[in-house]
Structures are given as C-alpha cells and as structure tokens.
Amino acid sequence: MAVTNILSLENELADKIGMRVYVNNRRNNSGTITLEYKGTDQLDRLVEIIKQNY
C-alpha cells in the first residue's frame, strides 16, 4: 500500500471514530493499527463498538 493511501486510510478512520489512528504496514503486507484514545470514556466506546460488530 502506498504511503499516500495509508495516510488517507488513517485520516478516514480517525474521522469516523474520533480518535487518532496509526497504520503500520510492513513490506510483507502485515502490520498493526494503533488507536490513540484520550480517557477511559473513549476506550469504553471503542470496546463497545468492537464488541457490537464482531
């Protein structure tokens, strides 16, 4: 994935969830997504969204 696509993906996800998002894509196309929350209320909201959808 091109750097511009990763930045676009980070921005799109951040806009949707209201938290800073970091995508780290390695050469073998594995990687990590990091979500930066500010406070337990955001963490609780994120956990509930994940639980409801998966």
PDB file of N, CA and C in Angstrom:
ATOM      1  N   MET A   1       0.858  -1.176   0.000  1.00  0.00           N
ATOM      2  CA  MET A   1       0.000   0.000   0.000  1.00  0.00           C
ATOM      3  C   MET A   1       0.899   1.233   0.000  1.00  0.00           C
ATOM      4  N   ALA A   2       0.594   2.184  -0.841  1.00  0.00           N
ATOM      5  CA  ALA A   2       1.388   3.406  -0.955  1.00  0.00           C
ATOM      6  C   ALA A   2       1.212   4.275   0.289  1.00  0.00           C
ATOM      7  N   VAL A   3       2.223   5.062   0.588  1.00  0.00           N
ATOM      8  CA  VAL A   3       2.195   5.935   1.761  1.00  0.00           C
ATOM      9  C   VAL A   3       0.983   6.859   1.743  1.00  0.00           C
ATOM     10  N   THR A   4       0.659   7.405   0.578  1.00  0.00           N
ATOM     11  CA  THR A   4      -0.498   8.310   0.498  1.00  0.00           C
ATOM     12  C   THR A   4      -1.787   7.576   0.825  1.00  0.00           C
ATOM     13  N   ASN A   5      -1.890   6.307   0.400  1.00  0.00           N
ATOM     14  CA  ASN A   5      -3.075   5.522   0.730  1.00  0.00           C
ATOM     15  C   ASN A   5      -3.158   5.247   2.222  1.00  0.00           C
ATOM     16  N   ILE A   6      -2.027   4.997   2.859  1.00  0.00           N
ATOM     17  CA  ILE A   6      -2.011   4.752   4.300  1.00  0.00           C
ATOM     18  C   ILE A   6      -2.428   6.011   5.044  1.00  0.00           C
ATOM     19  N   LEU A   7      -1.904   7.157   4.636  1.00  0.00           N
ATOM     20  CA  LEU A   7      -2.283   8.416   5.281  1.00  0.00           C
ATOM     21  C   LEU A   7      -3.770   8.698   5.098  1.00  0.00           C
ATOM     22  N   SER A   8      -4.266   8.422   3.912  1.00  0.00           N
ATOM     23  CA  SER A   8      -5.690   8.605   3.641  1.00  0.00           C
ATOM     24  C   SER A   8      -6.529   7.677   4.513  1.00  0.00           C
ATOM     25  N   LEU A   9      -6.111   6.431   4.642  1.00  0.00           N
ATOM     26  CA  LEU A   9      -6.806   5.464   5.491  1.00  0.00           C
ATOM     27  C   LEU A   9      -6.787   5.909   6.949  1.00  0.00           C
ATOM     28  N   GLU A  10      -5.635   6.361   7.432  1.00  0.00           N
ATOM     29  CA  GLU A  10      -5.534   6.857   8.809  1.00  0.00           C
ATOM     30  C   GLU A  10      -6.508   8.009   9.041  1.00  0.00           C
ATOM     31  N   ASN A  11      -6.548   8.947   8.107  1.00  0.00           N
ATOM     32  CA  ASN A  11      -7.429  10.111   8.243  1.00  0.00           C
ATOM     33  C   ASN A  11      -8.900   9.712   8.187  1.00  0.00           C
ATOM     34  N   GLU A  12      -9.242   8.811   7.285  1.00  0.00           N
ATOM     35  CA  GLU A  12     -10.620   8.366   7.151  1.00  0.00           C
ATOM     36  C   GLU A  12     -11.093   7.661   8.427  1.00  0.00           C
ATOM     37  N   LEU A  13     -10.257   6.776   8.953  1.00  0.00           N
ATOM     38  CA  LEU A  13     -10.621   6.078  10.196  1.00  0.00           C
ATOM     39  C   LEU A  13     -10.709   7.057  11.364  1.00  0.00           C
ATOM     40  N   ALA A  14      -9.785   7.985  11.448  1.00  0.00           N
ATOM     41  CA  ALA A  14      -9.794   8.969  12.529  1.00  0.00           C
ATOM     42  C   ALA A  14     -11.066   9.811  12.482  1.00  0.00           C
ATOM     43  N   ASP A  15     -11.483  10.205  11.298  1.00  0.00           N
ATOM     44  CA  ASP A  15     -12.717  10.982  11.150  1.00  0.00           C
ATOM     45  C   ASP A  15     -13.930  10.176  11.602  1.00  0.00           C
ATOM     46  N   LYS A  16     -13.947   8.884  11.295  1.00  0.00           N
ATOM     47  CA  LYS A  16     -15.090   8.036  11.648  1.00  0.00           C
ATOM     48  C   LYS A  16     -15.190   7.770  13.141  1.00  0.00           C
ATOM     49  N   ILE A  17     -14.053   7.520  13.799  1.00  0.00           N
ATOM     50  CA  ILE A  17     -14.111   7.112  15.204  1.00  0.00           C
ATOM     51  C   ILE A  17     -13.745   8.224  16.181  1.00  0.00           C
ATOM     52  N   GLY A  18     -13.230   9.320  15.675  1.00  0.00           N
ATOM     53  CA  GLY A  18     -12.910  10.444  16.550  1.00  0.00           C
ATOM     54  C   GLY A  18     -11.670  10.247  17.398  1.00  0.00           C
ATOM     55  N   MET A  19     -10.774   9.382  16.958  1.00  0.00           N
ATOM     56  CA  MET A  19      -9.515   9.133  17.659  1.00  0.00           C
ATOM     57  C   MET A  19      -8.390   9.114  16.636  1.00  0.00           C
ATOM     58  N   ARG A  20      -7.190   9.370  17.094  1.00  0.00           N
ATOM     59  CA  ARG A  20      -6.021   9.315  16.214  1.00  0.00           C
ATOM     60  C   ARG A  20      -5.750   7.864  15.857  1.00  0.00           C
ATOM     61  N   VAL A  21      -5.457   7.611  14.577  1.00  0.00           N
ATOM     62  CA  VAL A  21      -5.218   6.261  14.084  1.00  0.00           C
ATOM     63  C   VAL A  21      -3.852   6.221  13.402  1.00  0.00           C
ATOM     64  N   TYR A  22      -3.094   5.163  13.702  1.00  0.00           N
ATOM     65  CA  TYR A  22      -1.801   4.944  13.060  1.00  0.00           C
ATOM     66  C   TYR A  22      -1.826   3.570  12.398  1.00  0.00           C
ATOM     67  N   VAL A  23      -1.458   3.507  11.113  1.00  0.00           N
ATOM     68  CA  VAL A  23      -1.379   2.243  10.390  1.00  0.00           C
ATOM     69  C   VAL A  23       0.086   2.005  10.052  1.00  0.00           C
ATOM     70  N   ASN A  24       0.595   0.850  10.463  1.00  0.00           N
ATOM     71  CA  ASN A  24       1.979   0.475  10.169  1.00  0.00           C
ATOM     72  C   ASN A  24       1.933  -0.757   9.273  1.00  0.00           C
ATOM     73  N   ASN A  25       2.185  -0.560   7.986  1.00  0.00           N
ATOM     74  CA  ASN A  25       2.170  -1.642   7.013  1.00  0.00           C
ATOM     75  C   ASN A  25       3.605  -2.018   6.671  1.00  0.00           C
ATOM     76  N   ARG A  26       3.951  -3.287   6.916  1.00  0.00           N
ATOM     77  CA  ARG A  26       5.309  -3.756   6.634  1.00  0.00           C
ATOM     78  C   ARG A  26       5.429  -4.218   5.179  1.00  0.00           C
ATOM     79  N   ARG A  27       6.630  -4.492   4.777  1.00  0.00           N
ATOM     80  CA  ARG A  27       6.893  -4.904   3.386  1.00  0.00           C
ATOM     81  C   ARG A  27       6.141  -6.158   2.993  1.00  0.00           C
ATOM     82  N   ASN A  28       5.903  -7.057   3.943  1.00  0.00           N
ATOM     83  CA  ASN A  28       5.208  -8.303   3.617  1.00  0.00           C
ATOM     84  C   ASN A  28       3.685  -8.148   3.752  1.00  0.00           C
ATOM     85  N   ASN A  29       3.234  -6.891   3.855  1.00  0.00           N
ATOM     86  CA  ASN A  29       1.812  -6.543   3.970  1.00  0.00           C
ATOM     87  C   ASN A  29       1.144  -7.056   5.230  1.00  0.00           C
ATOM     88  N   SER A  30       1.929  -7.286   6.272  1.00  0.00           N
ATOM     89  CA  SER A  30       1.361  -7.483   7.600  1.00  0.00           C
ATOM     90  C   SER A  30       1.602  -6.175   8.340  1.00  0.00           C
ATOM     91  N   GLY A  31       0.971  -5.998   9.477  1.00  0.00           N
ATOM     92  CA  GLY A  31       1.195  -4.752  10.188  1.00  0.00           C
ATOM     93  C   GLY A  31       0.307  -4.582  11.387  1.00  0.00           C
ATOM     94  N   THR A  32       0.206  -3.353  11.847  1.00  0.00           N
ATOM     95  CA  THR A  32      -0.587  -3.028  13.018  1.00  0.00           C
ATOM     96  C   THR A  32      -1.401  -1.765  12.769  1.00  0.00           C
ATOM     97  N   ILE A  33      -2.522  -1.694  13.472  1.00  0.00           N
ATOM     98  CA  ILE A  33      -3.320  -0.474  13.526  1.00  0.00           C
ATOM     99  C   ILE A  33      -3.363  -0.063  14.992  1.00  0.00           C
ATOM    100  N   THR A  34      -2.986   1.166  15.270  1.00  0.00           N
ATOM    101  CA  THR A  34      -2.979   1.687  16.629  1.00  0.00           C
ATOM    102  C   THR A  34      -4.017   2.787  16.741  1.00  0.00           C
ATOM    103  N   LEU A  35      -4.849   2.708  17.773  1.00  0.00           N
ATOM    104  CA  LEU A  35      -5.867   3.723  18.040  1.00  0.00           C
ATOM    105  C   LEU A  35      -5.482   4.447  19.323  1.00  0.00           C
ATOM    106  N   GLU A  36      -5.373   5.762  19.243  1.00  0.00           N
ATOM    107  CA  GLU A  36      -4.971   6.565  20.401  1.00  0.00           C
ATOM    108  C   GLU A  36      -6.217   7.176  21.032  1.00  0.00           C
ATOM    109  N   TYR A  37      -6.524   6.751  22.248  1.00  0.00           N
ATOM    110  CA  TYR A  37      -7.695   7.284  22.935  1.00  0.00           C
ATOM    111  C   TYR A  37      -7.270   8.226  24.043  1.00  0.00           C
ATOM    112  N   LYS A  38      -8.171   9.134  24.386  1.00  0.00           N
ATOM    113  CA  LYS A  38      -7.901  10.116  25.437  1.00  0.00           C
ATOM    114  C   LYS A  38      -8.962   9.948  26.507  1.00  0.00           C
ATOM    115  N   GLY A  39      -8.689   9.109  27.434  1.00  0.00           N
ATOM    116  CA  GLY A  39      -9.611   8.905  28.544  1.00  0.00           C
ATOM    117  C   GLY A  39     -10.351   7.579  28.442  1.00  0.00           C
ATOM    118  N   THR A  40     -10.819   7.124  29.587  1.00  0.00           N
ATOM    119  CA  THR A  40     -11.495   5.833  29.637  1.00  0.00           C
ATOM    120  C   THR A  40     -12.839   5.858  28.923  1.00  0.00           C
ATOM    121  N   ASP A  41     -13.461   7.036  28.791  1.00  0.00           N
ATOM    122  CA  ASP A  41     -14.725   7.097  28.067  1.00  0.00           C
ATOM    123  C   ASP A  41     -14.529   6.735  26.596  1.00  0.00           C
ATOM    124  N   GLN A  42     -13.458   7.219  25.979  1.00  0.00           N
ATOM    125  CA  GLN A  42     -13.177   6.854  24.593  1.00  0.00           C
ATOM    126  C   GLN A  42     -12.815   5.376  24.477  1.00  0.00           C
ATOM    127  N   LEU A  43     -12.058   4.872  25.437  1.00  0.00           N
ATOM    128  CA  LEU A  43     -11.703   3.455  25.426  1.00  0.00           C
ATOM    129  C   LEU A  43     -12.953   2.594  25.546  1.00  0.00           C
ATOM    130  N   ASP A  44     -13.832   2.941  26.472  1.00  0.00           N
ATOM    131  CA  ASP A  44     -15.078   2.193  26.649  1.00  0.00           C
ATOM    132  C   ASP A  44     -15.909   2.210  25.367  1.00  0.00           C
ATOM    133  N   ARG A  45     -16.004   3.365  24.720  1.00  0.00           N
ATOM    134  CA  ARG A  45     -16.760   3.487  23.471  1.00  0.00           C
ATOM    135  C   ARG A  45     -16.171   2.598  22.388  1.00  0.00           C
ATOM    136  N   LEU A  46     -14.855   2.605  22.269  1.00  0.00           N
ATOM    137  CA  LEU A  46     -14.170   1.790  21.276  1.00  0.00           C
ATOM    138  C   LEU A  46     -14.404   0.303  21.529  1.00  0.00           C
ATOM    139  N   VAL A  47     -14.294  -0.122  22.766  1.00  0.00           N
ATOM    140  CA  VAL A  47     -14.516  -1.524  23.118  1.00  0.00           C
ATOM    141  C   VAL A  47     -15.951  -1.930  22.790  1.00  0.00           C
ATOM    142  N   GLU A  48     -16.915  -1.078  23.085  1.00  0.00           N
ATOM    143  CA  GLU A  48     -18.317  -1.391  22.788  1.00  0.00           C
ATOM    144  C   GLU A  48     -18.561  -1.504  21.282  1.00  0.00           C
ATOM    145  N   ILE A  49     -17.947  -0.621  20.503  1.00  0.00           N
ATOM    146  CA  ILE A  49     -18.089  -0.687  19.047  1.00  0.00           C
ATOM    147  C   ILE A  49     -17.540  -2.013  18.532  1.00  0.00           C
ATOM    148  N   ILE A  50     -16.390  -2.413  19.017  1.00  0.00           N
ATOM    149  CA  ILE A  50     -15.790  -3.680  18.579  1.00  0.00           C
ATOM    150  C   ILE A  50     -16.680  -4.856  18.991  1.00  0.00           C
ATOM    151  N   LYS A  51     -17.141  -4.855  20.226  1.00  0.00           N
ATOM    152  CA  LYS A  51     -17.980  -5.954  20.715  1.00  0.00           C
ATOM    153  C   LYS A  51     -19.270  -6.074  19.910  1.00  0.00           C
ATOM    154  N   GLN A  52     -19.885  -4.947  19.576  1.00  0.00           N
ATOM    155  CA  GLN A  52     -21.147  -4.954  18.849  1.00  0.00           C
ATOM    156  C   GLN A  52     -21.004  -5.427  17.408  1.00  0.00           C
ATOM    157  N   ASN A  53     -19.843  -5.257  16.855  1.00  0.00           N
ATOM    158  CA  ASN A  53     -19.648  -5.554  15.432  1.00  0.00           C
ATOM    159  C   ASN A  53     -18.875  -6.840  15.146  1.00  0.00           C
ATOM    160  N   TYR A  54     -18.340  -7.491  16.196  1.00  0.00           N
ATOM    161  CA  TYR A  54     -17.539  -8.693  15.936  1.00  0.00           C
ATOM    162  C   TYR A  54     -17.797  -9.773  16.943  1.00  0.00           C
TER     163      TYR A  54
END
